[in-house]
C-alpha atoms as a PDB file:
ATOM      1  CA  TYR A   1     -27.226 -91.977 -15.377  1.00  0.00           C
ATOM      2  CA  LEU A   2     -23.638 -90.605 -15.163  1.00  0.00           C
ATOM      3  CA  GLY A   3     -24.188 -88.688 -18.391  1.00  0.00           C
ATOM      4  CA  ILE A   4     -25.475 -91.690 -20.366  1.00  0.00           C
ATOM      5  CA  PRO A   5     -29.136 -91.384 -21.483  1.00  0.00           C
ATOM      6  CA  PHE A   6     -31.473 -94.342 -21.063  1.00  0.00           C
ATOM      7  CA  ASN A   7     -34.871 -95.246 -22.474  1.00  0.00           C
ATOM      8  CA  ALA A   8     -37.237 -98.179 -21.959  1.00  0.00           C
ATOM      9  CA  LYS A   9     -34.955-100.494 -23.955  1.00  0.00           C
ATOM     10  CA  GLY A  10     -31.690 -99.535 -22.268  1.00  0.00           C
ATOM     11  CA  ILE A  11     -28.990 -97.092 -23.390  1.00  0.00           C
ATOM     12  CA  ASP A  12     -30.324 -94.487 -25.801  1.00  0.00           C
ATOM     13  CA  THR A  13     -27.375 -94.647 -28.205  1.00  0.00           C
ATOM     14  CA  SER A  14     -28.688 -92.008 -30.617  1.00  0.00           C
ATOM     15  CA  ARG A  15     -29.025 -89.396 -27.877  1.00  0.00           C
ATOM     16  CA  LEU A  16     -25.644 -90.385 -26.460  1.00  0.00           C
ATOM     17  CA  ILE A  17     -23.857 -89.881 -29.791  1.00  0.00           C
ATOM     18  CA  GLN A  18     -25.740 -86.652 -30.485  1.00  0.00           C
ATOM     19  CA  HIS A  19     -24.761 -85.273 -27.074  1.00  0.00           C
ATOM     20  CA  ASN A  20     -21.125 -86.428 -27.385  1.00  0.00           C
ATOM     21  CA  THR A  21     -20.610 -85.043 -30.892  1.00  0.00           C
ATOM     22  CA  ALA A  22     -22.150 -81.657 -30.017  1.00  0.00           C
ATOM     23  CA  LYS A  23     -20.002 -81.397 -26.895  1.00  0.00           C
ATOM     24  CA  THR A  24     -16.890 -82.446 -28.833  1.00  0.00           C
ATOM     25  CA  THR A  25     -17.419 -79.834 -31.546  1.00  0.00           C
ATOM     26  CA  ASN A  26     -18.001 -77.102 -28.962  1.00  0.00           C
ATOM     27  CA  ALA A  27     -14.835 -78.069 -27.085  1.00  0.00           C
ATOM     28  CA  MET A  28     -12.778 -78.040 -30.304  1.00  0.00           C
ATOM     29  CA  HIS A  29     -14.204 -74.623 -31.192  1.00  0.00           C
ATOM     30  CA  MET A  30     -13.080 -73.379 -27.780  1.00  0.00           C
ATOM     31  CA  LEU A  31      -9.536 -74.627 -28.446  1.00  0.00           C
ATOM     32  CA  HIS A  32      -9.639 -73.033 -31.885  1.00  0.00           C
ATOM     33  CA  SER A  33     -10.636 -69.717 -30.310  1.00  0.00           C
ATOM     34  CA  ILE A  34      -7.332 -69.682 -28.384  1.00  0.00           C
ATOM     35  CA  ASP A  35      -5.413 -70.343 -31.641  1.00  0.00           C
ATOM     36  CA  ALA A  36      -5.084 -74.124 -31.467  1.00  0.00           C
ATOM     37  CA  GLN A  37      -4.664 -74.432 -35.248  1.00  0.00           C
ATOM     38  CA  GLN A  38      -1.872 -74.944 -37.734  1.00  0.00           C
ATOM     39  CA  TYR A  39      -1.096 -71.256 -38.312  1.00  0.00           C
ATOM     40  CA  SER A  40      -0.556 -70.519 -34.604  1.00  0.00           C
ATOM     41  CA  PHE A  41       0.179 -73.439 -32.259  1.00  0.00           C
ATOM     42  CA  GLY A  42       1.040 -75.649 -35.220  1.00  0.00           C
ATOM     43  CA  LEU A  43      -0.698 -78.700 -36.616  1.00  0.00           C
ATOM     44  CA  GLY A  44       1.181 -81.144 -34.390  1.00  0.00           C
ATOM     45  CA  VAL A  45       0.226 -79.405 -31.129  1.00  0.00           C
ATOM     46  CA  SER A  46      -3.361 -78.890 -32.290  1.00  0.00           C
ATOM     47  CA  LEU A  47      -3.816 -82.566 -33.201  1.00  0.00           C
ATOM     48  CA  ARG A  48      -2.210 -83.667 -29.944  1.00  0.00           C
ATOM     49  CA  LEU A  49      -4.611 -81.432 -28.021  1.00  0.00           C
ATOM     50  CA  TYR A  50      -7.488 -82.993 -29.928  1.00  0.00           C
ATOM     51  CA  ARG A  51      -6.254 -86.513 -29.256  1.00  0.00           C
ATOM     52  CA  THR A  52      -5.627 -85.868 -25.551  1.00  0.00           C
ATOM     53  CA  PHE A  53      -8.522 -83.657 -24.479  1.00  0.00           C
ATOM     54  CA  ILE A  54     -11.216 -83.572 -27.179  1.00  0.00           C
ATOM     55  CA  ARG A  55     -11.506 -87.106 -28.541  1.00  0.00           C
ATOM     56  CA  PRO A  56     -12.150 -88.655 -25.078  1.00  0.00           C
ATOM     57  CA  VAL A  57     -15.280 -86.469 -24.853  1.00  0.00           C
ATOM     58  CA  MET A  58     -16.603 -88.109 -28.017  1.00  0.00           C
ATOM     59  CA  GLU A  59     -15.589 -91.577 -26.802  1.00  0.00           C
ATOM     60  CA  TYR A  60     -17.532 -91.420 -23.536  1.00  0.00           C
ATOM     61  CA  GLY A  61     -19.845 -94.410 -23.299  1.00  0.00           C
ATOM     62  CA  LEU A  62     -18.806 -95.934 -26.644  1.00  0.00           C
ATOM     63  CA  ALA A  63     -17.429 -99.052 -24.943  1.00  0.00           C
ATOM     64  CA  ILE A  64     -20.921-100.143 -23.884  1.00  0.00           C
ATOM     65  CA  ALA A  65     -22.961 -98.694 -26.755  1.00  0.00           C
ATOM     66  CA  LYS A  66     -24.209-100.601 -29.778  1.00  0.00           C
ATOM     67  CA  LEU A  67     -23.406 -98.415 -32.779  1.00  0.00           C
ATOM     68  CA  THR A  68     -25.196 -98.527 -36.097  1.00  0.00           C
ATOM     69  CA  ALA A  69     -23.524 -97.605 -39.381  1.00  0.00           C
ATOM     70  CA  ALA A  70     -25.236 -94.197 -39.331  1.00  0.00           C
ATOM     71  CA  LEU A  71     -23.936 -93.436 -35.829  1.00  0.00           C
ATOM     72  CA  LYS A  72     -20.412 -94.476 -36.813  1.00  0.00           C
ATOM     73  CA  THR A  73     -20.626 -92.101 -39.785  1.00  0.00           C
ATOM     74  CA  GLN A  74     -21.741 -89.310 -37.455  1.00  0.00           C
ATOM     75  CA  LEU A  75     -18.735 -89.938 -35.201  1.00  0.00           C
ATOM     76  CA  GLU A  76     -16.354 -89.942 -38.166  1.00  0.00           C
ATOM     77  CA  ARG A  77     -17.771 -86.682 -39.499  1.00  0.00           C
ATOM     78  CA  THR A  78     -17.277 -85.093 -36.085  1.00  0.00           C
ATOM     79  CA  GLN A  79     -13.643 -86.196 -36.052  1.00  0.00           C
ATOM     80  CA  GLN A  80     -13.164 -84.759 -39.542  1.00  0.00           C
ATOM     81  CA  ARG A  81     -14.735 -81.510 -38.363  1.00  0.00           C
ATOM     82  CA  CYS A  82     -12.275 -81.306 -35.475  1.00  0.00           C
ATOM     83  CA  VAL A  83      -9.307 -82.007 -37.761  1.00  0.00           C
ATOM     84  CA  ARG A  84     -10.484 -79.266 -40.147  1.00  0.00           C
ATOM     85  CA  LEU A  85     -10.586 -76.831 -37.226  1.00  0.00           C
ATOM     86  CA  ALA A  86      -6.989 -77.826 -36.493  1.00  0.00           C
ATOM     87  CA  LEU A  87      -6.285 -76.925 -40.145  1.00  0.00           C
ATOM     88  CA  ASN A  88      -8.055 -73.569 -39.500  1.00  0.00           C
ATOM     89  CA  VAL A  89     -10.958 -74.475 -41.793  1.00  0.00           C
ATOM     90  CA  THR A  90     -13.969 -72.992 -40.013  1.00  0.00           C
ATOM     91  CA  ASP A  91     -16.560 -73.400 -42.775  1.00  0.00           C
ATOM     92  CA  VAL A  92     -19.049 -76.071 -41.676  1.00  0.00           C
ATOM     93  CA  THR A  93     -19.766 -77.036 -45.279  1.00  0.00           C
ATOM     94  CA  ALA A  94     -16.080 -77.427 -46.194  1.00  0.00           C
ATOM     95  CA  THR A  95     -14.938 -80.743 -47.656  1.00  0.00           C
ATOM     96  CA  THR A  96     -11.208 -80.289 -47.067  1.00  0.00           C
ATOM     97  CA  PRO A  97      -9.540 -83.745 -47.099  1.00  0.00           C
ATOM     98  CA  THR A  98      -8.477 -84.877 -43.628  1.00  0.00           C
ATOM     99  CA  ILE A  99      -6.880 -88.236 -44.432  1.00  0.00           C
ATOM    100  CA  ILE A 100      -3.288 -86.909 -44.387  1.00  0.00           C
ATOM    101  CA  PRO A 101      -3.579 -85.129 -40.997  1.00  0.00           C
ATOM    102  CA  LEU A 102      -5.153 -88.308 -39.605  1.00  0.00           C
ATOM    103  CA  HIS A 103      -2.233 -90.309 -40.958  1.00  0.00           C
ATOM    104  CA  LEU A 104       0.379 -87.810 -39.719  1.00  0.00           C
ATOM    105  CA  ALA A 105      -1.017 -88.042 -36.168  1.00  0.00           C
ATOM    106  CA  ALA A 106      -1.679 -91.821 -36.337  1.00  0.00           C
ATOM    107  CA  LEU A 107      -5.382 -91.307 -35.647  1.00  0.00           C
ATOM    108  CA  PRO A 108      -7.650 -94.259 -36.541  1.00  0.00           C
ATOM    109  CA  ASP A 109     -11.188 -93.956 -37.866  1.00  0.00           C
ATOM    110  CA  MET A 110     -13.795 -93.603 -35.138  1.00  0.00           C
ATOM    111  CA  SER A 111     -15.392 -96.888 -36.191  1.00  0.00           C
ATOM    112  CA  LEU A 112     -12.201 -98.799 -35.400  1.00  0.00           C
ATOM    113  CA  ARG A 113     -11.605 -96.702 -32.290  1.00  0.00           C
ATOM    114  CA  ALA A 114     -15.049 -97.626 -30.915  1.00  0.00           C
ATOM    115  CA  THR A 115     -14.376-101.309 -31.629  1.00  0.00           C
ATOM    116  CA  ILE A 116     -11.062-101.105 -29.741  1.00  0.00           C
ATOM    117  CA  LEU A 117     -12.716 -99.451 -26.734  1.00  0.00           C
ATOM    118  CA  GLN A 118     -15.411-102.126 -26.632  1.00  0.00           C
ATOM    119  CA  PHE A 119     -12.794-104.869 -26.895  1.00  0.00           C
ATOM    120  CA  LYS A 120     -10.848-103.418 -23.953  1.00  0.00           C
ATOM    121  CA  PHE A 121     -14.028-103.248 -21.885  1.00  0.00           C
ATOM    122  CA  VAL A 122     -15.028-106.872 -22.608  1.00  0.00           C
ATOM    123  CA  ARG A 123     -11.510-108.110 -21.866  1.00  0.00           C
ATOM    124  CA  ARG A 124     -11.401-106.189 -18.590  1.00  0.00           C
ATOM    125  CA  ALA A 125     -14.832-107.494 -17.608  1.00  0.00           C
ATOM    126  CA  HIS A 126     -13.676-111.093 -18.096  1.00  0.00           C
ATOM    127  CA  GLU A 127     -10.289-110.745 -16.409  1.00  0.00           C
ATOM    128  CA  LEU A 128     -11.142-108.676 -13.328  1.00  0.00           C
ATOM    129  CA  PRO A 129     -10.976-110.384  -9.899  1.00  0.00           C
ATOM    130  CA  PRO A 130     -14.276-112.129  -9.069  1.00  0.00           C
ATOM    131  CA  THR A 131     -14.827-109.868  -6.036  1.00  0.00           C
ATOM    132  CA  THR A 132     -15.284-106.744  -8.179  1.00  0.00           C
ATOM    133  CA  LEU A 133     -18.743-105.451  -9.078  1.00  0.00           C
ATOM    134  CA  LEU A 134     -18.240-105.685 -12.852  1.00  0.00           C
ATOM    135  CA  ALA A 135     -17.017-109.289 -12.612  1.00  0.00           C
ATOM    136  CA  SER A 136     -20.086-110.172 -10.515  1.00  0.00           C
ATOM    137  CA  VAL A 137     -22.388-108.618 -13.128  1.00  0.00           C
ATOM    138  CA  VAL A 138     -20.669-110.568 -15.918  1.00  0.00           C
ATOM    139  CA  ASP A 139     -20.941-113.774 -13.890  1.00  0.00           C
ATOM    140  CA  SER A 140     -24.682-113.229 -13.449  1.00  0.00           C
ATOM    141  CA  LEU A 141     -25.061-112.609 -17.179  1.00  0.00           C
ATOM    142  CA  LEU A 142     -23.218-115.825 -18.037  1.00  0.00           C
ATOM    143  CA  ARG A 143     -25.393-117.875 -15.677  1.00  0.00           C
ATOM    144  CA  ARG A 144     -28.571-116.986 -17.535  1.00  0.00           C
ATOM    145  CA  GLN A 145     -30.089-119.619 -19.782  1.00  0.00           C
ATOM    146  CA  GLN A 146     -30.521-116.991 -22.504  1.00  0.00           C
ATOM    147  CA  LEU A 147     -27.754-114.421 -22.704  1.00  0.00           C
ATOM    148  CA  ASP A 148     -28.615-110.724 -22.824  1.00  0.00           C
ATOM    149  CA  ARG A 149     -28.679-109.489 -26.443  1.00  0.00           C
ATOM    150  CA  GLU A 150     -26.488-106.461 -25.745  1.00  0.00           C
ATOM    151  CA  TRP A 151     -23.875-108.512 -23.931  1.00  0.00           C
ATOM    152  CA  LEU A 152     -23.950-111.159 -26.657  1.00  0.00           C
ATOM    153  CA  ALA A 153     -23.326-108.476 -29.283  1.00  0.00           C
ATOM    154  CA  MET A 154     -20.384-107.107 -27.290  1.00  0.00           C
ATOM    155  CA  THR A 155     -18.774-110.539 -26.980  1.00  0.00           C
ATOM    156  CA  ARG A 156     -18.944-110.889 -30.765  1.00  0.00           C
ATOM    157  CA  ASN A 157     -16.473-108.037 -31.093  1.00  0.00           C
ATOM    158  CA  LYS A 158     -14.004-109.087 -33.789  1.00  0.00           C
ATOM    159  CA  LEU A 159     -10.973-108.038 -31.725  1.00  0.00           C
ATOM    160  CA  TRP A 160     -12.229-110.042 -28.740  1.00  0.00           C
ATOM    161  CA  VAL A 161     -12.716-113.114 -30.935  1.00  0.00           C
ATOM    162  CA  GLU A 162      -9.182-112.792 -32.364  1.00  0.00           C
ATOM    163  CA  TYR A 163      -7.772-112.151 -28.894  1.00  0.00           C
ATOM    164  CA  LYS A 164      -9.197-115.431 -27.581  1.00  0.00           C
ATOM    165  CA  GLN A 165      -7.831-117.245 -30.632  1.00  0.00           C
ATOM    166  CA  ALA A 166      -4.393-115.744 -30.019  1.00  0.00           C
ATOM    167  CA  LEU A 167      -4.475-116.859 -26.372  1.00  0.00           C
ATOM    168  CA  HIS A 168      -5.167-120.470 -27.353  1.00  0.00           C
ATOM    169  CA  SER A 169      -2.787-120.609 -30.318  1.00  0.00           C
ATOM    170  CA  PRO A 170       0.269-122.931 -30.135  1.00  0.00           C
ATOM    171  CA  ASN A 171       2.615-119.922 -30.037  1.00  0.00           C
ATOM    172  CA  PRO A 172       0.681-117.095 -28.352  1.00  0.00           C
ATOM    173  CA  PRO A 173       2.159-113.584 -28.606  1.00  0.00           C
ATOM    174  CA  ARG A 174       3.803-112.148 -25.516  1.00  0.00           C
ATOM    175  CA  TYR A 175       1.273-109.332 -25.303  1.00  0.00           C
ATOM    176  CA  PRO A 176      -1.894-110.668 -26.981  1.00  0.00           C
ATOM    177  CA  MET A 177      -4.031-107.539 -26.437  1.00  0.00           C
ATOM    178  CA  LYS A 178      -1.414-105.225 -27.909  1.00  0.00           C
ATOM    179  CA  HIS A 179      -0.813-107.690 -30.744  1.00  0.00           C
ATOM    180  CA  THR A 180      -4.533-107.854 -31.609  1.00  0.00           C
ATOM    181  CA  ILE A 181      -5.024-104.076 -31.589  1.00  0.00           C
ATOM    182  CA  ARG A 182      -1.856-103.462 -33.587  1.00  0.00           C
ATOM    183  CA  SER A 183      -2.865-105.980 -36.250  1.00  0.00           C
ATOM    184  CA  HIS A 184      -6.173-104.168 -36.845  1.00  0.00           C
ATOM    185  CA  LEU A 185      -4.466-100.764 -36.915  1.00  0.00           C
ATOM    186  CA  THR A 186      -2.049-102.161 -39.506  1.00  0.00           C
ATOM    187  CA  LYS A 187      -4.960-103.486 -41.592  1.00  0.00           C
ATOM    188  CA  GLU A 188      -6.563-100.045 -41.509  1.00  0.00           C
ATOM    189  CA  LEU A 189      -3.276 -98.465 -42.619  1.00  0.00           C
ATOM    190  CA  GLU A 190      -2.994-100.868 -45.557  1.00  0.00           C
ATOM    191  CA  THR A 191      -6.575-100.067 -46.572  1.00  0.00           C
ATOM    192  CA  ARG A 192      -5.811 -96.356 -46.478  1.00  0.00           C
ATOM    193  CA  ARG A 193      -2.643 -96.850 -48.532  1.00  0.00           C
ATOM    194  CA  GLN A 194      -4.610 -98.705 -51.202  1.00  0.00           C
ATOM    195  CA  GLN A 195      -7.439 -96.185 -51.217  1.00  0.00           C
ATOM    196  CA  PHE A 196      -5.470 -92.915 -51.051  1.00  0.00           C
ATOM    197  CA  PRO A 197      -2.309 -92.363 -53.165  1.00  0.00           C
ATOM    198  CA  SER A 198      -1.264 -89.544 -50.799  1.00  0.00           C
ATOM    199  CA  VAL A 199      -1.156 -91.972 -47.854  1.00  0.00           C
ATOM    200  CA  ALA A 200       0.712 -94.523 -49.981  1.00  0.00           C
ATOM    201  CA  ARG A 201       3.479 -91.934 -50.494  1.00  0.00           C
ATOM    202  CA  ALA A 202       3.660 -91.069 -46.786  1.00  0.00           C
ATOM    203  CA  LEU A 203       5.389 -93.068 -44.039  1.00  0.00           C
ATOM    204  CA  PRO A 204       4.644 -96.790 -44.508  1.00  0.00           C
ATOM    205  CA  GLU A 205       3.991 -97.295 -40.797  1.00  0.00           C
ATOM    206  CA  ARG A 206       1.579 -96.011 -38.192  1.00  0.00           C
ATOM    207  CA  ARG A 207       3.451 -93.512 -36.063  1.00  0.00           C
ATOM    208  CA  TRP A 208       3.532 -89.822 -35.188  1.00  0.00           C
ATOM    209  CA  ASP A 209       5.123 -88.230 -38.263  1.00  0.00           C
ATOM    210  CA  PRO A 210       8.520 -86.634 -37.410  1.00  0.00           C
ATOM    211  CA  ILE A 211       7.704 -83.442 -39.326  1.00  0.00           C
ATOM    212  CA  LEU A 212       5.203 -82.614 -36.562  1.00  0.00           C
ATOM    213  CA  PHE A 213       7.792 -82.542 -33.768  1.00  0.00           C
ATOM    214  CA  LEU A 214      11.353 -82.325 -35.134  1.00  0.00           C
ATOM    215  CA  PRO A 215      13.082 -78.963 -34.427  1.00  0.00           C
ATOM    216  CA  ALA A 216      12.166 -76.467 -37.162  1.00  0.00           C
ATOM    217  CA  SER A 217      11.000 -72.897 -37.516  1.00  0.00           C
ATOM    218  CA  SER A 218       7.250 -72.302 -37.739  1.00  0.00           C
ATOM    219  CA  GLN A 219       7.530 -71.372 -41.414  1.00  0.00           C
ATOM    220  CA  ALA A 220       9.654 -74.413 -42.301  1.00  0.00           C
ATOM    221  CA  ARG A 221       7.365 -76.800 -40.403  1.00  0.00           C
ATOM    222  CA  HIS A 222       4.308 -75.257 -42.038  1.00  0.00           C
ATOM    223  CA  ARG A 223       5.798 -75.785 -45.505  1.00  0.00           C
ATOM    224  CA  LEU A 224       6.750 -79.373 -44.629  1.00  0.00           C
ATOM    225  CA  VAL A 225       3.182 -80.105 -43.509  1.00  0.00           C
ATOM    226  CA  LYS A 226       1.793 -78.541 -46.705  1.00  0.00           C
ATOM    227  CA  TRP A 227       4.244 -80.593 -48.758  1.00  0.00           C
ATOM    228  CA  ARG A 228       3.207 -83.781 -46.951  1.00  0.00           C
ATOM    229  CA  MET A 229      -0.447 -82.913 -47.611  1.00  0.00           C
ATOM    230  CA  HIS A 230       0.445 -82.302 -51.285  1.00  0.00           C
ATOM    231  CA  TRP A 231      -0.594 -78.659 -51.132  1.00  0.00           C
ATOM    232  CA  LEU A 232       2.878 -77.647 -52.368  1.00  0.00           C
ATOM    233  CA  PRO A 233       3.803 -76.693 -55.001  1.00  0.00           C
ATOM    234  CA  SER A 234       0.823 -74.503 -55.739  1.00  0.00           C
ATOM    235  CA  PHE A 235      -1.337 -74.892 -58.807  1.00  0.00           C
ATOM    236  CA  PRO A 236      -1.349 -74.446 -61.723  1.00  0.00           C
ATOM    237  CA  LEU A 237       2.085 -76.018 -61.839  1.00  0.00           C
ATOM    238  CA  LYS A 238       4.714 -74.079 -63.736  1.00  0.00           C
ATOM    239  CA  LYS A 239       7.765 -75.288 -65.548  1.00  0.00           C
ATOM    240  CA  CYS A 240      10.647 -75.943 -63.151  1.00  0.00           C
ATOM    241  CA  ARG A 241      13.923 -74.048 -63.462  1.00  0.00           C
ATOM    242  CA  CYS A 242      15.632 -77.348 -64.229  1.00  0.00           C
ATOM    243  CA  GLY A 243      13.458 -77.704 -67.322  1.00  0.00           C
ATOM    244  CA  VAL A 244      11.029 -80.335 -66.072  1.00  0.00           C
ATOM    245  CA  SER A 245       7.427 -79.514 -66.924  1.00  0.00           C
ATOM    246  CA  GLY A 246       4.710 -79.337 -64.244  1.00  0.00           C
ATOM    247  CA  LYS A 247       3.325 -82.610 -62.941  1.00  0.00           C
ATOM    248  CA  THR A 248       0.221 -83.588 -61.046  1.00  0.00           C
ATOM    249  CA  PRO A 249       0.427 -84.397 -57.303  1.00  0.00           C
ATOM    250  CA  ASN A 250       0.111 -88.095 -58.154  1.00  0.00           C
END
């Protein structure tokens, strides 16, 4: 129904993710065929095209789907595949690191992204006017003696739990939804900084990196991106003209 497959138990999440990831990869390949990659449009434009037009294809239905760890991994691999196409890496078996492009474009992991989408859906379902269809469905679910398992799992969303706690705190934030989402994005950034030295040396905040949009020639921007990804200088490192011997990227 409406592009979401169902089986006897409800939403067929495996088929949904398989369909979404295949469609996403095909759409990114189509963009790549018109030179949406770092050596033509530039990495910044290519990642913005992915974020605006391609990623929503993969996100369709995630707000109401119960994802297993394997399905989350499949989503993350698809995102990495799309980022590699933006880097003009067309080999399907390539293992080119994508953590720096993800950080440059402030793109979260798909696992966190799915959790955020589900949180927004649950919040909207609870705060819509009672005359709307979705609010009526939620009201009927809450009136049951035994809550539906899928709905119960959705209401256990960690962002939704923290959002309700923030609402009832003595000093609630002005924008509790934005505050809750931002706190989890910040936690993810700190985890990345601890796990990847290259991210630790990049901007210490989650934002669109200026080297992707500040005025610069294509060659200069390309070299800046390579430098940020620690692909410059090339290897093996040679002795610098100033006399300093070659060092590792770390």
